[in-house]
C-alpha atoms as a PDB file:
ATOM      1  CA  UNK A   1     134.162 133.566 125.263  1.00  0.00           C
ATOM      2  CA  UNK A   2     131.580 130.764 124.928  1.00  0.00           C
ATOM      3  CA  UNK A   3     132.345 130.363 121.224  1.00  0.00           C
ATOM      4  CA  UNK A   4     136.065 130.042 121.931  1.00  0.00           C
ATOM      5  CA  UNK A   5     135.505 127.548 124.758  1.00  0.00           C
ATOM      6  CA  UNK A   6     133.090 125.557 122.572  1.00  0.00           C
ATOM      7  CA  UNK A   7     135.898 125.226 120.027  1.00  0.00           C
ATOM      8  CA  UNK A   8     138.232 123.844 122.673  1.00  0.00           C
ATOM      9  CA  UNK A   9     135.530 121.463 123.889  1.00  0.00           C
ATOM     10  CA  UNK A  10     134.847 120.222 120.346  1.00  0.00           C
ATOM     11  CA  UNK A  11     138.520 119.582 119.648  1.00  0.00           C
ATOM     12  CA  UNK A  12     138.964 117.732 122.941  1.00  0.00           C
ATOM     13  CA  UNK A  13     135.818 115.664 122.442  1.00  0.00           C
ATOM     14  CA  UNK A  14     136.801 114.676 118.907  1.00  0.00           C
ATOM     15  CA  UNK A  15     140.311 113.733 120.046  1.00  0.00           C
ATOM     16  CA  UNK A  16     139.195 111.731 123.086  1.00  0.00           C
ATOM     17  CA  UNK A  17     135.925 110.197 121.837  1.00  0.00           C
ATOM     18  CA  UNK A  18     136.850 109.534 118.216  1.00  0.00           C
ATOM     19  CA  UNK A  19     134.705 109.984 115.110  1.00  0.00           C
ATOM     20  CA  UNK A  20     131.434 108.403 116.335  1.00  0.00           C
ATOM     21  CA  UNK A  21     128.873 111.218 116.909  1.00  0.00           C
ATOM     22  CA  UNK A  22     127.060 109.369 119.705  1.00  0.00           C
ATOM     23  CA  UNK A  23     130.345 108.763 121.536  1.00  0.00           C
ATOM     24  CA  UNK A  24     131.212 112.440 121.060  1.00  0.00           C
ATOM     25  CA  UNK A  25     127.859 113.518 122.485  1.00  0.00           C
ATOM     26  CA  UNK A  26     128.210 111.236 125.489  1.00  0.00           C
ATOM     27  CA  UNK A  27     131.742 112.446 126.160  1.00  0.00           C
ATOM     28  CA  UNK A  28     130.777 116.123 125.843  1.00  0.00           C
ATOM     29  CA  UNK A  29     127.893 115.586 128.283  1.00  0.00           C
ATOM     30  CA  UNK A  30     130.203 113.921 130.782  1.00  0.00           C
ATOM     31  CA  UNK A  31     132.764 116.709 130.540  1.00  0.00           C
ATOM     32  CA  UNK A  32     130.263 119.550 130.819  1.00  0.00           C
ATOM     33  CA  UNK A  33     127.613 118.176 133.159  1.00  0.00           C
ATOM     34  CA  UNK A  34     129.344 115.229 134.902  1.00  0.00           C
ATOM     35  CA  UNK A  35     126.362 112.973 134.055  1.00  0.00           C
ATOM     36  CA  UNK A  36     125.382 110.542 131.328  1.00  0.00           C
ATOM     37  CA  UNK A  37     123.024 111.913 128.683  1.00  0.00           C
ATOM     38  CA  UNK A  38     119.618 110.271 128.424  1.00  0.00           C
ATOM     39  CA  UNK A  39     118.773 108.325 125.259  1.00  0.00           C
ATOM     40  CA  UNK A  40     116.486 111.194 124.227  1.00  0.00           C
ATOM     41  CA  UNK A  41     119.271 113.755 124.733  1.00  0.00           C
ATOM     42  CA  UNK A  42     121.623 111.641 122.622  1.00  0.00           C
ATOM     43  CA  UNK A  43     119.029 111.307 119.859  1.00  0.00           C
ATOM     44  CA  UNK A  44     118.268 115.035 119.830  1.00  0.00           C
ATOM     45  CA  UNK A  45     121.948 115.996 119.880  1.00  0.00           C
ATOM     46  CA  UNK A  46     122.729 113.472 117.115  1.00  0.00           C
ATOM     47  CA  UNK A  47     119.979 114.985 114.976  1.00  0.00           C
ATOM     48  CA  UNK A  48     121.401 118.432 115.648  1.00  0.00           C
ATOM     49  CA  UNK A  49     124.911 117.308 114.654  1.00  0.00           C
ATOM     50  CA  UNK A  50     123.619 115.747 111.437  1.00  0.00           C
ATOM     51  CA  UNK A  51     121.654 118.864 110.528  1.00  0.00           C
ATOM     52  CA  UNK A  52     124.558 121.180 111.305  1.00  0.00           C
ATOM     53  CA  UNK A  53     127.080 119.034 109.444  1.00  0.00           C
ATOM     54  CA  UNK A  54     124.914 119.038 106.316  1.00  0.00           C
ATOM     55  CA  UNK A  55     124.454 122.803 106.583  1.00  0.00           C
ATOM     56  CA  UNK A  56     128.201 123.406 106.844  1.00  0.00           C
ATOM     57  CA  UNK A  57     128.885 121.045 103.930  1.00  0.00           C
ATOM     58  CA  UNK A  58     126.563 123.142 101.737  1.00  0.00           C
ATOM     59  CA  UNK A  59     128.123 126.425 102.851  1.00  0.00           C
ATOM     60  CA  UNK A  60     131.290 127.592 101.163  1.00  0.00           C
ATOM     61  CA  UNK A  61     133.716 128.142 104.047  1.00  0.00           C
ATOM     62  CA  UNK A  62     137.057 129.929 103.919  1.00  0.00           C
ATOM     63  CA  UNK A  63     140.035 127.544 103.646  1.00  0.00           C
ATOM     64  CA  UNK A  64     141.129 128.109 107.256  1.00  0.00           C
ATOM     65  CA  UNK A  65     137.781 126.931 108.727  1.00  0.00           C
ATOM     66  CA  UNK A  66     137.500 123.545 110.452  1.00  0.00           C
ATOM     67  CA  UNK A  67     135.745 120.743 108.579  1.00  0.00           C
ATOM     68  CA  UNK A  68     131.939 120.556 108.651  1.00  0.00           C
ATOM     69  CA  UNK A  69     131.842 117.877 111.359  1.00  0.00           C
ATOM     70  CA  UNK A  70     134.037 119.876 113.721  1.00  0.00           C
ATOM     71  CA  UNK A  71     132.042 123.055 113.077  1.00  0.00           C
ATOM     72  CA  UNK A  72     128.854 121.146 113.952  1.00  0.00           C
ATOM     73  CA  UNK A  73     130.470 119.790 117.108  1.00  0.00           C
ATOM     74  CA  UNK A  74     131.530 123.324 118.025  1.00  0.00           C
ATOM     75  CA  UNK A  75     127.906 124.468 117.704  1.00  0.00           C
ATOM     76  CA  UNK A  76     126.776 121.606 119.923  1.00  0.00           C
ATOM     77  CA  UNK A  77     129.457 122.595 122.433  1.00  0.00           C
ATOM     78  CA  UNK A  78     128.184 126.159 122.379  1.00  0.00           C
ATOM     79  CA  UNK A  79     124.649 124.928 123.114  1.00  0.00           C
ATOM     80  CA  UNK A  80     125.907 122.711 125.942  1.00  0.00           C
ATOM     81  CA  UNK A  81     127.940 125.507 127.525  1.00  0.00           C
ATOM     82  CA  UNK A  82     125.039 127.968 127.199  1.00  0.00           C
ATOM     83  CA  UNK A  83     122.412 125.645 128.686  1.00  0.00           C
ATOM     84  CA  UNK A  84     120.793 126.462 132.022  1.00  0.00           C
ATOM     85  CA  UNK A  85     121.973 123.183 133.529  1.00  0.00           C
ATOM     86  CA  UNK A  86     125.584 124.248 132.984  1.00  0.00           C
ATOM     87  CA  UNK A  87     125.021 127.308 135.177  1.00  0.00           C
ATOM     88  CA  UNK A  88     124.854 127.157 138.938  1.00  0.00           C
ATOM     89  CA  UNK A  89     124.358 129.527 141.800  1.00  0.00           C
ATOM     90  CA  UNK A  90     126.787 129.452 144.697  1.00  0.00           C
END
């Protein structure tokens, strides 16, 4: 479920925030947590996106897979949606 939702989040973020990774990170944070990310959170997430993008570029993916940047953004979305701060107790 989380993986599927992370895919939807990544597609929405890319569509609404454009190609800039820092804008994508900020937009994803706003959508998921309803707050602005701190400069440190942006830096850490940007490093994660860079690392993941490079990893996916090196990996031979089947033709029907999203591009490396979108796959990296999906992984970031999965981390965001799995984080403790996304959970709440009623």
